């Protein structure tokens, strides 16, 4: 089994997005094996189509520059590279992210580009399951950075950068490797 611990950064604004669409601008992921070992990393920027100019809020939050996305490939090419890296159709895998946003944005952007999206359905909402494991049901639930620190790890990299968030989530995921429930 390949556990794909991933994070998505998307276009963002303080209010509603122009034209009502948020687009993926970075995919960061780590691949973890059945022993909780990191075996590979994936990190790509994505050039948005609908709203190609990043907002000041987005650049400030993610530390992704306009140049990063201007020089990147468009979504269909990057997603094909991501699927190839995962081994979609070749091996067993499950996508794992901190919350449902990352799954939704992948699906929505696949629909936007008229691409197949059933490969996204093999998914673990790590945030939800983590809160169940820790007995945090109905309580204030902390974000990823606070959770990483609470679990005794140092947060590495830049928060709200997809690869950094994926690497740090991978630490928490590996610590509780035997606790995650995969629903097929």
N, C-alpha and C. Protein backbone atom coordinates (compact mmCIF):
# COMPACT_ATOMS: atom_id res chain seq x y z
N UNK A 1 0.84 -1.18 0.00
CA UNK A 1 0.00 0.00 0.00
C UNK A 1 0.89 1.24 0.00
N UNK A 2 0.52 2.20 -0.82
CA UNK A 2 1.18 3.49 -0.82
C UNK A 2 0.25 4.51 -0.17
N UNK A 3 0.74 5.17 0.85
CA UNK A 3 0.00 6.24 1.49
C UNK A 3 0.51 7.55 0.91
N UNK A 4 -0.35 8.28 0.25
CA UNK A 4 0.02 9.54 -0.37
C UNK A 4 -0.48 10.67 0.53
N UNK A 5 0.42 11.23 1.30
CA UNK A 5 0.10 12.31 2.22
C UNK A 5 0.30 13.60 1.42
N UNK A 6 -0.79 14.31 1.15
CA UNK A 6 -0.66 15.44 0.24
C UNK A 6 -1.36 16.69 0.77
N UNK A 7 -0.98 17.79 0.16
CA UNK A 7 -1.60 19.07 0.49
C UNK A 7 -1.70 19.87 -0.79
N UNK A 8 -2.75 20.66 -0.88
CA UNK A 8 -3.01 21.50 -2.04
C UNK A 8 -3.03 22.96 -1.59
N UNK A 9 -2.38 23.81 -2.36
CA UNK A 9 -2.56 25.25 -2.21
C UNK A 9 -3.35 25.71 -3.42
N UNK A 10 -4.25 26.64 -3.21
CA UNK A 10 -5.13 27.10 -4.28
C UNK A 10 -5.21 28.62 -4.28
N UNK A 11 -5.66 29.16 -5.41
CA UNK A 11 -5.90 30.59 -5.48
C UNK A 11 -6.86 30.97 -4.36
N UNK A 12 -6.64 32.14 -3.77
CA UNK A 12 -7.48 32.54 -2.64
C UNK A 12 -7.55 34.06 -2.56
N UNK A 13 -8.64 34.51 -1.96
CA UNK A 13 -8.90 35.93 -1.77
C UNK A 13 -9.52 36.10 -0.39
N UNK A 14 -9.59 37.30 0.08
CA UNK A 14 -10.25 37.54 1.37
C UNK A 14 -11.74 37.29 1.29
N UNK A 15 -12.32 37.51 0.13
CA UNK A 15 -13.75 37.26 -0.09
C UNK A 15 -13.93 36.11 -1.08
N UNK A 16 -15.01 36.19 -1.82
CA UNK A 16 -15.30 35.16 -2.81
C UNK A 16 -14.35 35.27 -3.99
N UNK A 17 -14.00 34.12 -4.59
CA UNK A 17 -13.09 34.16 -5.73
C UNK A 17 -13.77 34.76 -6.97
N UNK A 18 -13.02 35.52 -7.76
CA UNK A 18 -13.57 36.01 -9.02
C UNK A 18 -14.02 34.81 -9.88
N UNK A 19 -15.13 34.96 -10.52
CA UNK A 19 -15.70 33.92 -11.37
C UNK A 19 -16.07 32.66 -10.56
N UNK A 20 -16.06 32.77 -9.22
CA UNK A 20 -16.51 31.70 -8.34
C UNK A 20 -15.65 30.45 -8.33
N UNK A 21 -14.40 30.55 -8.75
CA UNK A 21 -13.56 29.36 -8.88
C UNK A 21 -12.23 29.54 -8.17
N UNK A 22 -11.89 28.54 -7.33
CA UNK A 22 -10.54 28.44 -6.76
C UNK A 22 -9.79 27.40 -7.58
N UNK A 23 -8.55 27.70 -7.92
CA UNK A 23 -7.75 26.77 -8.72
C UNK A 23 -6.50 26.33 -7.98
N UNK A 24 -6.11 25.09 -8.20
CA UNK A 24 -4.90 24.54 -7.61
C UNK A 24 -3.70 25.33 -8.14
N UNK A 25 -2.80 25.72 -7.22
CA UNK A 25 -1.56 26.38 -7.64
C UNK A 25 -0.32 25.63 -7.15
N UNK A 26 -0.50 24.65 -6.25
CA UNK A 26 0.63 23.82 -5.82
C UNK A 26 0.10 22.49 -5.32
N UNK A 27 0.78 21.42 -5.71
CA UNK A 27 0.53 20.08 -5.17
C UNK A 27 1.83 19.61 -4.53
N UNK A 28 1.75 19.31 -3.25
CA UNK A 28 2.90 18.77 -2.52
C UNK A 28 2.48 17.47 -1.88
N UNK A 29 3.36 16.47 -1.95
CA UNK A 29 2.99 15.15 -1.40
C UNK A 29 4.23 14.37 -1.00
N UNK A 30 4.02 13.49 -0.04
CA UNK A 30 5.03 12.49 0.31
C UNK A 30 4.37 11.12 0.22
N UNK A 31 5.18 10.14 -0.17
CA UNK A 31 4.71 8.76 -0.26
C UNK A 31 5.31 7.99 0.91
N UNK A 32 4.44 7.32 1.65
CA UNK A 32 4.85 6.56 2.82
C UNK A 32 4.47 5.11 2.61
N UNK A 33 5.37 4.20 2.98
CA UNK A 33 5.10 2.77 2.82
C UNK A 33 4.40 2.20 4.05
N UNK A 34 4.18 0.89 4.04
CA UNK A 34 3.48 0.21 5.13
C UNK A 34 4.22 0.25 6.46
N UNK A 35 5.48 0.65 6.45
CA UNK A 35 6.27 0.74 7.67
C UNK A 35 6.36 2.17 8.19
N UNK A 36 5.66 3.08 7.54
CA UNK A 36 5.68 4.48 7.95
C UNK A 36 6.91 5.23 7.48
N UNK A 37 7.63 4.67 6.50
CA UNK A 37 8.84 5.29 5.99
C UNK A 37 8.53 6.15 4.77
N UNK A 38 9.12 7.34 4.74
CA UNK A 38 8.98 8.22 3.58
C UNK A 38 9.83 7.65 2.45
N UNK A 39 9.21 7.40 1.30
CA UNK A 39 9.96 6.81 0.19
C UNK A 39 10.08 7.73 -1.01
N UNK A 40 9.27 8.79 -1.08
CA UNK A 40 9.36 9.68 -2.22
C UNK A 40 8.60 10.97 -1.94
N UNK A 41 8.97 12.04 -2.66
CA UNK A 41 8.29 13.33 -2.55
C UNK A 41 7.87 13.81 -3.93
N UNK A 42 6.80 14.60 -3.96
CA UNK A 42 6.31 15.22 -5.20
C UNK A 42 5.98 16.66 -4.87
N UNK A 43 6.44 17.60 -5.70
CA UNK A 43 6.12 19.00 -5.48
C UNK A 43 6.12 19.74 -6.81
N UNK A 44 4.96 20.30 -7.18
CA UNK A 44 4.83 21.03 -8.43
C UNK A 44 3.92 22.23 -8.23
N UNK A 45 4.30 23.34 -8.85
CA UNK A 45 3.40 24.47 -8.96
C UNK A 45 2.49 24.24 -10.16
N UNK A 46 1.34 24.94 -10.17
CA UNK A 46 0.35 24.81 -11.24
C UNK A 46 -0.04 26.21 -11.70
N UNK A 47 -0.08 26.41 -13.01
CA UNK A 47 -0.49 27.70 -13.56
C UNK A 47 -2.01 27.73 -13.68
N UNK A 48 -2.67 28.65 -12.97
CA UNK A 48 -4.14 28.72 -13.03
C UNK A 48 -4.61 29.29 -14.37
N UNK A 49 -5.80 28.86 -14.81
CA UNK A 49 -6.38 29.30 -16.08
C UNK A 49 -7.42 30.41 -15.90
N UNK A 50 -8.36 30.19 -14.99
CA UNK A 50 -9.52 31.08 -14.86
C UNK A 50 -9.12 32.42 -14.26
N UNK A 51 -8.36 32.38 -13.19
CA UNK A 51 -7.86 33.58 -12.52
C UNK A 51 -6.33 33.48 -12.44
N UNK A 52 -5.62 33.81 -13.52
CA UNK A 52 -4.18 33.57 -13.57
C UNK A 52 -3.33 34.48 -12.69
N UNK A 53 -3.89 35.60 -12.22
CA UNK A 53 -3.13 36.52 -11.38
C UNK A 53 -3.44 36.26 -9.91
N UNK A 54 -2.41 35.93 -9.14
CA UNK A 54 -2.59 35.65 -7.72
C UNK A 54 -2.92 36.94 -6.96
N UNK A 55 -3.80 36.83 -5.99
CA UNK A 55 -4.12 37.98 -5.14
C UNK A 55 -2.97 38.24 -4.18
N UNK A 56 -2.89 39.46 -3.68
CA UNK A 56 -1.89 39.79 -2.67
C UNK A 56 -2.07 38.91 -1.43
N UNK A 57 -3.33 38.66 -1.06
CA UNK A 57 -3.63 37.80 0.09
C UNK A 57 -3.05 36.41 -0.13
N UNK A 58 -3.24 35.86 -1.32
CA UNK A 58 -2.77 34.51 -1.64
C UNK A 58 -1.24 34.44 -1.58
N UNK A 59 -0.58 35.42 -2.17
CA UNK A 59 0.90 35.44 -2.17
C UNK A 59 1.43 35.56 -0.74
N UNK A 60 0.76 36.37 0.07
CA UNK A 60 1.19 36.55 1.46
C UNK A 60 0.98 35.28 2.28
N UNK A 61 -0.17 34.66 2.12
CA UNK A 61 -0.50 33.45 2.88
C UNK A 61 0.39 32.27 2.52
N UNK A 62 0.57 32.03 1.23
CA UNK A 62 1.26 30.82 0.77
C UNK A 62 2.75 31.01 0.52
N UNK A 63 3.18 32.25 0.38
CA UNK A 63 4.56 32.57 -0.01
C UNK A 63 4.87 32.04 -1.41
N UNK A 64 3.83 31.84 -2.23
CA UNK A 64 3.99 31.46 -3.63
C UNK A 64 3.95 32.74 -4.45
N UNK A 65 4.93 32.90 -5.31
CA UNK A 65 5.01 34.13 -6.10
C UNK A 65 4.28 33.97 -7.44
N UNK A 66 3.99 35.10 -8.04
CA UNK A 66 3.38 35.09 -9.37
C UNK A 66 4.30 34.38 -10.36
N UNK A 67 5.59 34.58 -10.22
CA UNK A 67 6.56 33.93 -11.10
C UNK A 67 6.51 32.41 -10.96
N UNK A 68 6.32 31.91 -9.71
CA UNK A 68 6.22 30.46 -9.50
C UNK A 68 5.14 29.85 -10.37
N UNK A 69 3.96 30.48 -10.38
CA UNK A 69 2.85 29.91 -11.14
C UNK A 69 2.94 30.25 -12.63
N UNK A 70 3.48 31.40 -12.97
CA UNK A 70 3.62 31.76 -14.38
C UNK A 70 4.52 30.78 -15.13
N UNK A 71 5.52 30.26 -14.45
CA UNK A 71 6.47 29.34 -15.09
C UNK A 71 6.03 27.88 -15.00
N UNK A 72 4.93 27.62 -14.33
CA UNK A 72 4.47 26.24 -14.10
C UNK A 72 3.63 25.72 -15.27
N UNK A 73 3.47 24.40 -15.29
CA UNK A 73 2.57 23.77 -16.25
C UNK A 73 1.14 23.94 -15.77
N UNK A 74 0.20 23.74 -16.68
CA UNK A 74 -1.21 23.84 -16.34
C UNK A 74 -1.68 22.55 -15.64
N UNK A 75 -2.85 22.64 -15.04
CA UNK A 75 -3.41 21.58 -14.20
C UNK A 75 -3.40 20.19 -14.86
N UNK A 76 -3.91 20.02 -16.08
CA UNK A 76 -3.95 18.66 -16.64
C UNK A 76 -2.59 17.97 -16.68
N UNK A 77 -1.57 18.71 -17.06
CA UNK A 77 -0.23 18.10 -17.15
C UNK A 77 0.30 17.75 -15.76
N UNK A 78 0.14 18.66 -14.80
CA UNK A 78 0.65 18.41 -13.45
C UNK A 78 -0.11 17.25 -12.80
N UNK A 79 -1.41 17.19 -12.99
CA UNK A 79 -2.19 16.09 -12.40
C UNK A 79 -1.80 14.75 -13.04
N UNK A 80 -1.55 14.74 -14.33
CA UNK A 80 -1.07 13.51 -14.96
C UNK A 80 0.28 13.08 -14.37
N UNK A 81 1.16 14.04 -14.11
CA UNK A 81 2.45 13.72 -13.47
C UNK A 81 2.24 13.19 -12.05
N UNK A 82 1.31 13.81 -11.33
CA UNK A 82 1.00 13.39 -9.97
C UNK A 82 0.45 11.96 -9.96
N UNK A 83 -0.50 11.69 -10.84
CA UNK A 83 -1.08 10.35 -10.92
C UNK A 83 -0.03 9.31 -11.29
N UNK A 84 0.86 9.66 -12.18
CA UNK A 84 1.94 8.75 -12.57
C UNK A 84 2.87 8.48 -11.38
N UNK A 85 3.21 9.53 -10.64
CA UNK A 85 4.05 9.39 -9.45
C UNK A 85 3.38 8.49 -8.41
N UNK A 86 2.08 8.67 -8.22
CA UNK A 86 1.32 7.84 -7.27
C UNK A 86 1.32 6.38 -7.72
N UNK A 87 1.16 6.16 -9.02
CA UNK A 87 1.02 4.81 -9.55
C UNK A 87 -0.44 4.44 -9.74
N UNK A 88 -1.28 5.44 -10.02
CA UNK A 88 -2.71 5.20 -10.22
C UNK A 88 -2.88 4.16 -11.34
N UNK A 89 -3.64 3.11 -11.03
CA UNK A 89 -3.88 2.04 -11.99
C UNK A 89 -2.83 0.94 -11.94
N UNK A 90 -1.76 1.16 -11.19
CA UNK A 90 -0.67 0.18 -11.13
C UNK A 90 -0.50 -0.44 -9.75
N UNK A 91 -0.92 0.25 -8.71
CA UNK A 91 -0.69 -0.24 -7.34
C UNK A 91 -1.80 0.26 -6.42
N UNK A 92 -1.86 -0.32 -5.24
CA UNK A 92 -2.82 0.14 -4.22
C UNK A 92 -2.28 1.40 -3.56
N UNK A 93 -3.14 2.38 -3.43
CA UNK A 93 -2.76 3.64 -2.80
C UNK A 93 -3.99 4.21 -2.10
N UNK A 94 -3.72 5.13 -1.19
CA UNK A 94 -4.79 5.92 -0.58
C UNK A 94 -4.27 7.34 -0.40
N UNK A 95 -5.08 8.31 -0.79
CA UNK A 95 -4.74 9.72 -0.60
C UNK A 95 -5.12 10.12 0.82
N UNK A 96 -4.26 10.90 1.46
CA UNK A 96 -4.47 11.30 2.85
C UNK A 96 -4.19 12.79 2.99
N UNK A 97 -5.16 13.53 3.51
CA UNK A 97 -4.99 14.97 3.66
C UNK A 97 -5.61 15.44 4.97
N UNK A 98 -5.21 16.64 5.39
CA UNK A 98 -5.71 17.25 6.62
C UNK A 98 -7.02 17.97 6.30
N UNK A 99 -8.13 17.24 6.36
CA UNK A 99 -9.45 17.79 6.06
C UNK A 99 -9.92 17.38 4.68
N UNK A 100 -11.12 17.86 4.31
CA UNK A 100 -11.73 17.50 3.04
C UNK A 100 -11.43 18.48 1.90
N UNK A 101 -10.90 19.66 2.22
CA UNK A 101 -10.67 20.67 1.19
C UNK A 101 -9.81 20.13 0.04
N UNK A 102 -8.73 19.43 0.36
CA UNK A 102 -7.78 18.98 -0.65
C UNK A 102 -8.43 17.99 -1.62
N UNK A 103 -9.28 17.14 -1.10
CA UNK A 103 -10.01 16.20 -1.98
C UNK A 103 -10.98 16.97 -2.87
N UNK A 104 -11.73 17.89 -2.27
CA UNK A 104 -12.73 18.67 -3.04
C UNK A 104 -12.08 19.49 -4.15
N UNK A 105 -10.96 20.15 -3.84
CA UNK A 105 -10.35 21.02 -4.84
C UNK A 105 -9.76 20.20 -5.99
N UNK A 106 -9.21 19.01 -5.68
CA UNK A 106 -8.72 18.14 -6.76
C UNK A 106 -9.88 17.73 -7.67
N UNK A 107 -10.97 17.28 -7.06
CA UNK A 107 -12.15 16.87 -7.84
C UNK A 107 -12.70 18.04 -8.67
N UNK A 108 -12.87 19.19 -8.03
CA UNK A 108 -13.43 20.35 -8.71
C UNK A 108 -12.57 20.78 -9.89
N UNK A 109 -11.24 20.76 -9.69
CA UNK A 109 -10.36 21.17 -10.78
C UNK A 109 -10.30 20.11 -11.88
N UNK A 110 -10.45 18.83 -11.53
CA UNK A 110 -10.56 17.79 -12.56
C UNK A 110 -11.83 18.01 -13.39
N UNK A 111 -12.92 18.32 -12.72
CA UNK A 111 -14.18 18.60 -13.43
C UNK A 111 -14.02 19.83 -14.33
N UNK A 112 -13.39 20.88 -13.81
CA UNK A 112 -13.16 22.10 -14.57
C UNK A 112 -12.42 21.81 -15.88
N UNK A 113 -11.48 20.89 -15.81
CA UNK A 113 -10.65 20.56 -16.97
C UNK A 113 -11.13 19.30 -17.70
N UNK A 114 -12.34 18.85 -17.34
CA UNK A 114 -12.97 17.69 -17.99
C UNK A 114 -12.06 16.46 -17.93
N UNK A 115 -11.53 16.21 -16.74
CA UNK A 115 -10.65 15.07 -16.50
C UNK A 115 -11.34 14.08 -15.58
N UNK A 116 -10.94 12.83 -15.67
CA UNK A 116 -11.41 11.77 -14.78
C UNK A 116 -11.01 12.14 -13.34
N UNK A 117 -11.91 11.85 -12.39
CA UNK A 117 -11.59 12.19 -11.00
C UNK A 117 -11.90 11.07 -10.01
N UNK A 118 -12.24 9.88 -10.50
CA UNK A 118 -12.56 8.80 -9.56
C UNK A 118 -11.33 8.33 -8.78
N UNK A 119 -10.14 8.60 -9.28
CA UNK A 119 -8.90 8.23 -8.58
C UNK A 119 -8.74 8.98 -7.26
N UNK A 120 -9.49 10.06 -7.07
CA UNK A 120 -9.41 10.88 -5.85
C UNK A 120 -10.21 10.25 -4.71
N UNK A 121 -11.08 9.30 -5.01
CA UNK A 121 -12.00 8.74 -4.02
C UNK A 121 -11.34 7.84 -2.97
N UNK A 122 -10.16 7.35 -3.22
CA UNK A 122 -9.44 6.53 -2.23
C UNK A 122 -8.77 7.49 -1.27
N UNK A 123 -9.46 7.80 -0.14
CA UNK A 123 -9.10 8.97 0.65
C UNK A 123 -9.29 8.75 2.14
N UNK A 124 -8.36 9.30 2.91
CA UNK A 124 -8.48 9.36 4.37
C UNK A 124 -8.45 10.83 4.77
N UNK A 125 -9.48 11.26 5.50
CA UNK A 125 -9.49 12.59 6.10
C UNK A 125 -8.73 12.46 7.42
N UNK A 126 -7.45 12.77 7.39
CA UNK A 126 -6.59 12.58 8.55
C UNK A 126 -7.04 13.45 9.73
N UNK A 127 -7.45 14.66 9.46
CA UNK A 127 -7.89 15.56 10.53
C UNK A 127 -9.07 14.96 11.30
N UNK A 128 -10.06 14.49 10.60
CA UNK A 128 -11.24 13.90 11.23
C UNK A 128 -10.87 12.65 12.03
N UNK A 129 -10.11 11.77 11.40
CA UNK A 129 -9.73 10.54 12.10
C UNK A 129 -8.78 10.81 13.27
N UNK A 130 -7.90 11.77 13.11
CA UNK A 130 -6.99 12.13 14.20
C UNK A 130 -7.79 12.61 15.41
N UNK A 131 -8.77 13.47 15.17
CA UNK A 131 -9.60 13.97 16.28
C UNK A 131 -10.37 12.84 16.95
N UNK A 132 -10.80 11.85 16.20
CA UNK A 132 -11.46 10.68 16.78
C UNK A 132 -10.47 9.88 17.63
N UNK A 133 -9.29 9.63 17.08
CA UNK A 133 -8.25 8.89 17.81
C UNK A 133 -7.92 9.57 19.13
N UNK A 134 -7.81 10.89 19.11
CA UNK A 134 -7.42 11.64 20.29
C UNK A 134 -8.61 11.96 21.21
N UNK A 135 -9.82 11.58 20.82
CA UNK A 135 -10.99 11.85 21.64
C UNK A 135 -11.40 13.31 21.64
N UNK A 136 -11.11 14.01 20.56
CA UNK A 136 -11.39 15.44 20.47
C UNK A 136 -12.77 15.74 19.89
N UNK A 137 -13.65 14.80 19.92
CA UNK A 137 -14.97 15.00 19.31
C UNK A 137 -15.73 16.05 20.11
N UNK A 138 -16.23 17.07 19.40
CA UNK A 138 -17.00 18.13 20.03
C UNK A 138 -16.15 19.19 20.72
N UNK A 139 -14.84 19.04 20.68
CA UNK A 139 -13.95 20.01 21.30
C UNK A 139 -13.33 20.89 20.22
N UNK A 140 -12.66 21.94 20.67
CA UNK A 140 -11.91 22.79 19.74
C UNK A 140 -10.79 21.96 19.14
N UNK A 141 -10.74 21.94 17.83
CA UNK A 141 -9.75 21.11 17.15
C UNK A 141 -8.68 22.02 16.56
N UNK A 142 -7.43 21.70 16.83
CA UNK A 142 -6.34 22.55 16.38
C UNK A 142 -5.98 22.31 14.92
N UNK A 143 -5.27 23.25 14.34
CA UNK A 143 -4.82 23.13 12.96
C UNK A 143 -3.61 22.23 12.84
N UNK A 144 -3.13 22.08 11.62
CA UNK A 144 -2.02 21.18 11.35
C UNK A 144 -0.75 21.58 12.09
N UNK A 145 -0.37 22.84 12.01
CA UNK A 145 0.89 23.27 12.63
C UNK A 145 0.87 23.01 14.14
N UNK A 146 -0.23 23.35 14.80
CA UNK A 146 -0.35 23.11 16.24
C UNK A 146 -0.35 21.63 16.55
N UNK A 147 -0.98 20.82 15.70
CA UNK A 147 -1.03 19.37 15.91
C UNK A 147 0.37 18.77 15.78
N UNK A 148 1.12 19.20 14.79
CA UNK A 148 2.49 18.71 14.61
C UNK A 148 3.31 18.98 15.87
N UNK A 149 3.20 20.19 16.39
CA UNK A 149 3.95 20.55 17.60
C UNK A 149 3.45 19.76 18.82
N UNK A 150 2.11 19.62 18.92
CA UNK A 150 1.53 18.87 20.04
C UNK A 150 2.00 17.42 20.05
N UNK A 151 2.26 16.87 18.87
CA UNK A 151 2.73 15.49 18.76
C UNK A 151 4.23 15.35 18.97
N UNK A 152 4.90 16.47 19.29
CA UNK A 152 6.32 16.42 19.64
C UNK A 152 7.27 16.58 18.46
N UNK A 153 6.75 17.03 17.32
CA UNK A 153 7.60 17.24 16.15
C UNK A 153 7.85 18.73 15.94
N UNK A 154 8.95 19.03 15.33
CA UNK A 154 9.26 20.39 14.92
C UNK A 154 8.61 20.60 13.54
N UNK A 155 7.89 21.71 13.38
CA UNK A 155 7.30 22.00 12.07
C UNK A 155 8.42 22.48 11.15
N UNK A 156 8.62 21.77 10.06
CA UNK A 156 9.67 22.10 9.10
C UNK A 156 9.09 22.85 7.91
N UNK A 157 9.84 23.81 7.40
CA UNK A 157 9.43 24.50 6.19
C UNK A 157 8.51 25.66 6.46
N UNK A 158 7.70 25.99 5.45
CA UNK A 158 6.82 27.14 5.48
C UNK A 158 5.37 26.67 5.54
N UNK A 159 4.68 27.06 6.61
CA UNK A 159 3.25 26.70 6.75
C UNK A 159 2.47 27.31 5.59
N UNK A 160 1.51 26.57 5.06
CA UNK A 160 0.71 26.95 3.90
C UNK A 160 1.51 26.88 2.60
N UNK A 161 2.56 26.08 2.59
CA UNK A 161 3.20 25.65 1.35
C UNK A 161 2.92 24.16 1.29
N UNK A 162 2.45 23.71 0.15
CA UNK A 162 1.94 22.34 0.04
C UNK A 162 2.98 21.29 0.45
N UNK A 163 4.21 21.41 -0.04
CA UNK A 163 5.19 20.38 0.28
C UNK A 163 5.53 20.38 1.77
N UNK A 164 5.65 21.56 2.37
CA UNK A 164 5.94 21.63 3.82
C UNK A 164 4.80 21.02 4.63
N UNK A 165 3.58 21.39 4.29
CA UNK A 165 2.43 20.84 5.03
C UNK A 165 2.35 19.32 4.85
N UNK A 166 2.65 18.82 3.65
CA UNK A 166 2.61 17.37 3.41
C UNK A 166 3.69 16.65 4.22
N UNK A 167 4.89 17.19 4.24
CA UNK A 167 5.98 16.57 5.00
C UNK A 167 5.63 16.52 6.48
N UNK A 168 5.11 17.61 7.01
CA UNK A 168 4.78 17.65 8.43
C UNK A 168 3.59 16.76 8.77
N UNK A 169 2.59 16.71 7.91
CA UNK A 169 1.46 15.81 8.13
C UNK A 169 1.94 14.36 8.07
N UNK A 170 2.90 14.09 7.21
CA UNK A 170 3.46 12.74 7.12
C UNK A 170 4.04 12.25 8.45
N UNK A 171 4.61 13.14 9.23
CA UNK A 171 5.15 12.77 10.54
C UNK A 171 4.03 12.27 11.46
N UNK A 172 2.94 13.03 11.50
CA UNK A 172 1.80 12.66 12.35
C UNK A 172 1.17 11.37 11.82
N UNK A 173 1.02 11.28 10.50
CA UNK A 173 0.43 10.09 9.89
C UNK A 173 1.24 8.84 10.26
N UNK A 174 2.55 8.93 10.12
CA UNK A 174 3.40 7.77 10.42
C UNK A 174 3.33 7.37 11.88
N UNK A 175 3.22 8.34 12.77
CA UNK A 175 3.16 8.05 14.21
C UNK A 175 1.94 7.19 14.55
N UNK A 176 0.83 7.41 13.84
CA UNK A 176 -0.41 6.67 14.11
C UNK A 176 -0.75 5.72 12.97
N UNK A 177 0.25 5.22 12.28
CA UNK A 177 0.07 4.43 11.06
C UNK A 177 -0.98 3.32 11.21
N UNK A 178 -0.97 2.62 12.32
CA UNK A 178 -1.89 1.50 12.51
C UNK A 178 -3.30 1.91 12.91
N UNK A 179 -3.53 3.19 13.12
CA UNK A 179 -4.83 3.68 13.59
C UNK A 179 -5.78 4.11 12.48
N UNK A 180 -5.26 4.41 11.28
CA UNK A 180 -6.10 4.97 10.22
C UNK A 180 -7.04 3.94 9.64
N UNK A 181 -8.25 4.36 9.35
CA UNK A 181 -9.27 3.49 8.78
C UNK A 181 -9.46 3.86 7.32
N UNK A 182 -9.24 2.88 6.46
CA UNK A 182 -9.42 3.09 5.02
C UNK A 182 -10.78 2.52 4.65
N UNK A 183 -11.62 3.36 4.08
CA UNK A 183 -12.94 2.92 3.63
C UNK A 183 -12.90 2.83 2.11
N UNK A 184 -13.09 1.64 1.59
CA UNK A 184 -13.04 1.47 0.13
C UNK A 184 -14.39 1.63 -0.45
